[in-house]
N, C-alpha and C. Protein backbone atom coordinates (compact mmCIF):
# COMPACT_ATOMS: atom_id res chain seq x y z
N MET A 1 38.05 -51.80 117.81
CA MET A 1 38.27 -50.38 117.30
C MET A 1 36.87 -49.49 116.97
N SER A 2 36.76 -49.04 118.19
CA SER A 2 35.60 -48.18 118.13
C SER A 2 36.23 -46.61 118.04
N ASN A 3 36.13 -45.88 117.27
CA ASN A 3 36.61 -44.73 117.47
C ASN A 3 35.14 -43.41 117.02
N ILE A 4 34.12 -43.39 117.48
CA ILE A 4 32.77 -43.04 117.33
C ILE A 4 32.88 -41.48 117.18
N ALA A 5 32.86 -41.16 116.41
CA ALA A 5 32.45 -39.72 116.35
C ALA A 5 31.17 -39.30 116.62
N CYS A 6 30.15 -40.13 115.98
CA CYS A 6 28.84 -39.67 116.11
C CYS A 6 28.10 -40.21 117.68
N SER A 7 26.78 -39.24 117.79
CA SER A 7 26.35 -39.85 118.47
C SER A 7 26.08 -41.42 118.69
N ASP A 8 26.33 -42.21 120.17
CA ASP A 8 26.30 -43.31 120.24
C ASP A 8 24.74 -43.78 120.77
N THR A 9 23.81 -43.53 119.80
CA THR A 9 22.85 -43.78 119.88
C THR A 9 22.09 -45.63 119.66
N GLU A 10 21.13 -45.31 120.08
CA GLU A 10 20.39 -47.13 120.14
C GLU A 10 20.66 -47.40 118.39
N GLN A 11 20.12 -46.49 117.45
CA GLN A 11 19.80 -46.66 116.40
C GLN A 11 21.24 -47.46 115.63
N HIS A 12 22.26 -45.90 115.96
CA HIS A 12 23.84 -46.24 116.06
C HIS A 12 24.29 -47.87 116.08
N VAL A 13 24.06 -48.54 117.21
CA VAL A 13 24.39 -49.42 117.50
C VAL A 13 23.86 -50.57 116.68
N LYS A 14 22.31 -50.24 116.09
CA LYS A 14 21.32 -50.90 115.04
C LYS A 14 22.30 -51.35 113.74
N ASN A 15 22.69 -50.18 113.43
CA ASN A 15 23.14 -49.75 112.16
C ASN A 15 24.22 -50.56 111.81
N VAL A 16 25.43 -50.55 113.28
CA VAL A 16 26.52 -50.92 113.05
C VAL A 16 26.34 -52.38 112.71
N ALA A 17 25.39 -53.34 113.25
CA ALA A 17 25.21 -54.46 113.71
C ALA A 17 24.71 -54.95 112.33
N ALA A 18 23.76 -54.19 111.94
CA ALA A 18 23.38 -54.81 110.43
C ALA A 18 24.38 -54.47 109.95
N ALA A 19 24.83 -53.87 109.22
CA ALA A 19 26.07 -53.42 108.59
C ALA A 19 26.89 -54.52 108.38
N ARG A 20 27.82 -55.34 109.77
CA ARG A 20 28.41 -56.30 110.46
C ARG A 20 27.73 -57.34 110.22
N GLU A 21 26.40 -57.60 110.01
CA GLU A 21 26.05 -59.04 109.54
C GLU A 21 26.01 -58.98 108.18
N ALA A 22 25.83 -58.43 107.58
CA ALA A 22 25.89 -58.16 105.93
C ALA A 22 26.85 -58.43 105.47
N MET A 23 28.22 -58.19 106.09
CA MET A 23 29.21 -57.93 105.44
C MET A 23 29.52 -59.34 104.76
N LEU A 24 30.43 -59.55 103.67
CA LEU A 24 30.12 -60.52 102.85
C LEU A 24 31.66 -61.29 103.13
N SER A 25 32.08 -62.23 102.73
CA SER A 25 33.38 -62.89 103.28
C SER A 25 34.66 -62.39 102.10
N GLU A 26 35.91 -62.44 102.24
CA GLU A 26 37.08 -61.65 101.59
C GLU A 26 36.97 -62.38 100.85
N ARG A 27 36.83 -63.51 100.29
CA ARG A 27 36.69 -64.19 98.70
C ARG A 27 35.66 -63.47 98.07
N GLU A 28 34.38 -63.47 98.61
CA GLU A 28 33.50 -62.60 98.03
C GLU A 28 33.31 -61.34 97.44
N PHE A 29 34.41 -60.70 98.79
CA PHE A 29 35.08 -59.17 98.71
C PHE A 29 35.90 -59.09 97.08
N LEU A 30 36.89 -60.08 97.04
CA LEU A 30 37.83 -60.64 96.29
C LEU A 30 37.65 -60.42 94.47
N PHE A 31 36.42 -61.09 94.89
CA PHE A 31 35.27 -61.65 93.23
C PHE A 31 34.65 -60.53 92.75
N LEU A 32 34.42 -59.43 93.62
CA LEU A 32 33.40 -58.35 93.67
C LEU A 32 34.15 -57.38 93.05
N ALA A 33 35.64 -57.24 93.83
CA ALA A 33 36.80 -56.49 93.02
C ALA A 33 37.22 -56.57 91.83
N GLU A 34 37.06 -57.93 91.59
CA GLU A 34 37.57 -58.49 90.05
C GLU A 34 36.59 -57.75 89.15
N LEU A 35 34.88 -58.05 89.56
CA LEU A 35 34.28 -57.88 88.54
C LEU A 35 34.55 -56.34 88.28
N PHE A 36 34.33 -55.41 89.01
CA PHE A 36 34.30 -54.12 89.06
C PHE A 36 35.59 -53.73 88.19
N LYS A 37 36.67 -54.45 88.41
CA LYS A 37 37.91 -54.45 87.82
C LYS A 37 37.81 -54.51 86.04
N ALA A 38 37.26 -55.73 85.90
CA ALA A 38 36.90 -55.88 84.56
C ALA A 38 36.17 -54.75 83.77
N LEU A 39 35.04 -54.34 84.37
CA LEU A 39 34.17 -53.51 84.14
C LEU A 39 34.53 -51.98 84.10
N GLY A 40 36.03 -51.84 84.47
CA GLY A 40 36.40 -50.56 84.91
C GLY A 40 37.36 -50.16 83.49
N ASP A 41 37.19 -50.87 81.99
CA ASP A 41 37.81 -50.94 81.17
C ASP A 41 37.22 -50.02 80.01
N TYR A 42 37.40 -49.22 79.40
CA TYR A 42 36.82 -48.37 78.27
C TYR A 42 36.39 -49.36 77.06
N THR A 43 37.53 -50.25 76.52
CA THR A 43 37.21 -50.87 75.84
C THR A 43 36.39 -52.33 76.09
N ARG A 44 36.65 -52.97 77.17
CA ARG A 44 35.67 -53.88 77.49
C ARG A 44 34.14 -53.25 78.03
N VAL A 45 33.92 -52.44 78.30
CA VAL A 45 32.81 -51.24 78.28
C VAL A 45 31.80 -51.66 77.23
N ARG A 46 32.86 -51.08 75.72
CA ARG A 46 32.29 -51.25 74.76
C ARG A 46 32.43 -52.59 74.08
N ILE A 47 32.94 -53.35 74.23
CA ILE A 47 32.57 -54.54 74.07
C ILE A 47 31.47 -55.18 74.44
N LEU A 48 30.89 -54.92 75.71
CA LEU A 48 29.81 -55.41 76.50
C LEU A 48 28.85 -54.24 76.21
N PHE A 49 29.03 -52.95 75.75
CA PHE A 49 27.47 -52.67 75.08
C PHE A 49 27.34 -53.39 74.15
N ALA A 50 28.23 -53.47 72.95
CA ALA A 50 27.82 -53.65 71.71
C ALA A 50 26.89 -54.96 71.79
N LEU A 51 27.69 -56.78 72.58
CA LEU A 51 26.93 -57.35 73.01
C LEU A 51 25.50 -57.50 73.59
N SER A 52 25.66 -56.15 74.21
CA SER A 52 24.09 -56.13 74.62
C SER A 52 22.94 -55.74 73.64
N ILE A 53 23.22 -55.57 72.47
CA ILE A 53 22.54 -55.02 71.24
C ILE A 53 22.22 -56.72 70.56
N GLY A 54 23.41 -57.34 70.60
CA GLY A 54 23.03 -58.66 70.22
C GLY A 54 24.53 -59.75 70.37
N GLU A 55 24.34 -60.86 69.77
CA GLU A 55 25.41 -62.03 69.28
C GLU A 55 26.40 -61.32 68.33
N LEU A 56 27.42 -61.28 68.39
CA LEU A 56 28.68 -61.01 67.44
C LEU A 56 29.85 -61.93 67.82
N CYS A 57 30.21 -61.87 66.24
CA CYS A 57 31.62 -62.62 66.31
C CYS A 57 32.98 -61.68 66.83
N VAL A 58 33.99 -62.33 66.46
CA VAL A 58 35.01 -61.17 66.82
C VAL A 58 35.32 -60.57 65.87
N CYS A 59 35.18 -61.04 64.29
CA CYS A 59 35.46 -59.98 63.09
C CYS A 59 34.43 -58.80 63.40
N ALA A 60 33.04 -58.94 63.56
CA ALA A 60 31.61 -58.11 63.47
C ALA A 60 32.45 -57.58 64.97
N LEU A 61 32.60 -57.56 65.92
CA LEU A 61 33.03 -56.72 67.11
C LEU A 61 34.54 -55.51 66.37
N ALA A 62 35.25 -56.23 65.93
CA ALA A 62 36.29 -55.51 65.98
C ALA A 62 36.04 -54.09 64.38
N GLU A 63 35.18 -54.61 63.68
CA GLU A 63 34.56 -53.79 62.57
C GLU A 63 33.81 -52.25 63.53
N VAL A 64 33.17 -53.26 64.21
CA VAL A 64 31.76 -52.16 65.21
C VAL A 64 32.59 -51.04 65.84
N LEU A 65 33.63 -51.63 66.88
CA LEU A 65 34.63 -51.54 67.26
C LEU A 65 36.10 -50.00 66.66
N ASP A 66 36.19 -50.83 65.40
CA ASP A 66 37.14 -50.13 65.06
C ASP A 66 38.24 -50.68 65.55
N MET A 67 38.42 -51.84 65.73
CA MET A 67 40.05 -52.34 66.25
C MET A 67 40.02 -53.57 65.58
N SER A 68 41.63 -53.73 65.86
CA SER A 68 42.05 -55.18 65.24
C SER A 68 41.40 -56.56 66.17
N GLN A 69 41.21 -57.43 65.32
CA GLN A 69 40.50 -58.86 65.79
C GLN A 69 41.15 -59.60 66.89
N SER A 70 42.50 -59.26 66.76
CA SER A 70 43.77 -59.44 68.22
C SER A 70 43.32 -59.13 69.58
N ALA A 71 42.90 -57.34 69.38
CA ALA A 71 42.97 -56.87 70.31
C ALA A 71 41.69 -57.12 71.10
N ILE A 72 40.69 -57.49 70.16
CA ILE A 72 39.23 -57.76 70.40
C ILE A 72 39.42 -59.02 71.42
N SER A 73 40.39 -60.14 71.07
CA SER A 73 40.17 -61.56 71.10
C SER A 73 41.06 -61.40 72.83
N HIS A 74 41.64 -60.63 72.92
CA HIS A 74 42.07 -60.33 73.91
C HIS A 74 41.80 -59.64 74.93
N GLN A 75 40.79 -58.87 74.78
CA GLN A 75 39.59 -58.50 75.73
C GLN A 75 38.47 -59.40 75.99
N LEU A 76 38.12 -60.41 74.87
CA LEU A 76 37.10 -61.32 74.79
C LEU A 76 37.47 -62.33 76.30
N ARG A 77 39.32 -62.78 76.11
CA ARG A 77 39.58 -63.17 77.01
C ARG A 77 39.22 -62.65 78.69
N LEU A 78 39.48 -61.56 78.72
CA LEU A 78 39.72 -61.14 80.06
C LEU A 78 37.79 -61.01 80.62
N LEU A 79 37.00 -60.87 79.98
CA LEU A 79 35.65 -61.17 80.16
C LEU A 79 35.25 -62.03 80.26
N ARG A 80 35.78 -63.09 79.46
CA ARG A 80 35.24 -64.72 79.41
C ARG A 80 36.09 -65.15 80.89
N ALA A 81 37.24 -64.48 81.12
CA ALA A 81 37.85 -64.95 82.83
C ALA A 81 36.76 -64.65 83.91
N ALA A 82 36.33 -63.17 83.86
CA ALA A 82 35.29 -62.66 84.60
C ALA A 82 33.83 -63.13 84.31
N LYS A 83 33.84 -64.11 83.49
CA LYS A 83 31.94 -64.40 83.38
C LYS A 83 31.32 -63.65 82.96
N LEU A 84 31.72 -62.45 82.62
CA LEU A 84 30.63 -61.98 81.65
C LEU A 84 30.40 -61.72 80.37
N VAL A 85 30.85 -62.33 79.66
CA VAL A 85 30.43 -63.22 78.22
C VAL A 85 30.51 -64.82 77.98
N ARG A 86 29.84 -64.98 77.28
CA ARG A 86 30.10 -66.95 76.81
C ARG A 86 30.33 -66.24 75.08
N TYR A 87 30.63 -67.71 75.03
CA TYR A 87 30.76 -67.83 73.50
C TYR A 87 29.67 -69.10 73.03
N ARG A 88 29.89 -69.10 71.50
CA ARG A 88 29.57 -70.33 71.19
C ARG A 88 29.62 -70.81 69.61
N LYS A 89 30.63 -72.04 69.25
CA LYS A 89 30.83 -71.66 68.24
C LYS A 89 29.76 -73.20 67.14
N GLU A 90 29.89 -72.22 65.85
CA GLU A 90 29.06 -72.77 64.56
C GLU A 90 30.33 -73.09 63.76
N GLY A 91 30.13 -74.17 63.52
CA GLY A 91 30.93 -74.53 62.47
C GLY A 91 32.68 -74.06 62.88
N LYS A 92 33.51 -72.80 61.68
CA LYS A 92 34.38 -72.73 62.57
C LYS A 92 34.58 -70.90 62.76
N ASN A 93 32.97 -70.53 62.82
CA ASN A 93 32.67 -69.38 63.59
C ASN A 93 32.40 -69.45 65.22
N VAL A 94 32.85 -68.46 65.70
CA VAL A 94 32.81 -68.17 67.02
C VAL A 94 31.86 -66.91 67.24
N PHE A 95 30.71 -67.23 68.08
CA PHE A 95 30.00 -66.10 68.54
C PHE A 95 29.80 -65.45 70.28
N TYR A 96 29.74 -64.43 70.24
CA TYR A 96 29.91 -64.37 71.56
C TYR A 96 28.82 -63.30 72.23
N SER A 97 28.15 -63.38 73.38
CA SER A 97 26.95 -62.77 74.01
C SER A 97 27.26 -62.67 75.33
N LEU A 98 26.42 -61.43 76.10
CA LEU A 98 26.86 -61.44 77.50
C LEU A 98 26.23 -62.76 78.01
N ASP A 99 27.00 -63.10 79.23
CA ASP A 99 26.57 -64.18 79.82
C ASP A 99 25.13 -64.71 80.35
N ASP A 100 24.93 -63.22 81.01
CA ASP A 100 23.33 -63.70 81.38
C ASP A 100 23.33 -62.24 81.85
N ASP A 101 21.75 -62.29 81.78
CA ASP A 101 20.69 -61.44 82.50
C ASP A 101 21.37 -60.50 83.40
N HIS A 102 22.19 -60.94 84.18
CA HIS A 102 22.99 -59.95 85.16
C HIS A 102 23.73 -59.34 84.77
N VAL A 103 24.64 -59.58 83.70
CA VAL A 103 25.44 -58.71 83.01
C VAL A 103 24.69 -57.57 81.99
N ARG A 104 23.79 -58.15 81.49
CA ARG A 104 22.37 -57.17 80.43
C ARG A 104 22.22 -56.14 81.72
N ASN A 105 21.94 -56.36 82.68
CA ASN A 105 21.48 -55.53 83.81
C ASN A 105 22.13 -54.61 84.34
N LEU A 106 23.78 -55.08 84.48
CA LEU A 106 24.66 -54.15 84.84
C LEU A 106 25.01 -52.86 84.07
N VAL A 107 24.99 -53.35 82.46
CA VAL A 107 25.71 -52.42 81.41
C VAL A 107 24.24 -51.48 81.58
N SER A 108 22.95 -51.90 81.23
CA SER A 108 21.80 -51.11 81.05
C SER A 108 21.33 -50.11 82.70
N GLN A 109 22.16 -50.42 84.02
CA GLN A 109 21.76 -49.94 85.01
C GLN A 109 23.10 -48.77 84.81
N GLY A 110 23.85 -49.09 84.69
CA GLY A 110 25.20 -48.65 84.60
C GLY A 110 24.74 -46.83 83.36
N LEU A 111 24.07 -47.39 82.35
CA LEU A 111 23.56 -46.23 81.66
C LEU A 111 22.36 -45.48 81.78
N ASP A 112 21.55 -46.15 82.70
CA ASP A 112 20.79 -45.58 83.64
C ASP A 112 21.72 -44.04 84.24
N HIS A 113 22.13 -44.75 85.08
CA HIS A 113 22.81 -44.08 86.28
C HIS A 113 23.89 -43.00 85.30
N ILE A 114 24.13 -43.08 84.36
CA ILE A 114 25.34 -41.92 84.02
C ILE A 114 24.14 -41.17 82.81
N LYS A 115 22.98 -41.50 82.68
CA LYS A 115 22.11 -40.55 82.52
C LYS A 115 21.48 -39.68 83.06
N GLU A 116 21.03 -40.16 84.02
CA GLU A 116 20.45 -39.74 85.18
C GLU A 116 21.41 -38.55 86.01
N GLU A 117 22.56 -38.49 85.76
CA GLU A 117 23.92 -37.81 85.99
C GLU A 117 23.57 -36.34 85.17
N ALA A 118 23.48 -36.97 84.09
CA ALA A 118 23.45 -35.72 82.93
C ALA A 118 22.53 -34.65 82.98
């Protein structure tokens, strides 16, 4: 499958070989696509941003985002499934936080990128 429109130089061959070698498995690409799908929702991004400030319960998230607790809970289930948030229970209260520093970095780098564009 080679319809090379650019000049077939030695560097071109090296670049193609390097890119092919670095390619992920189909499973890894599917997981990566699911991650970006989870990040591609306005409400979920707002939740992630709020949690980047600190741990919050569903009630607090609902108040911060001016949404119903059930709507927040639904989005949190999706974020948990994508391993973007985690929770801990303290008595009857459930507190949510970002899953790890990778998620915090995704939010932070995304913000840096859009601020750079502005």
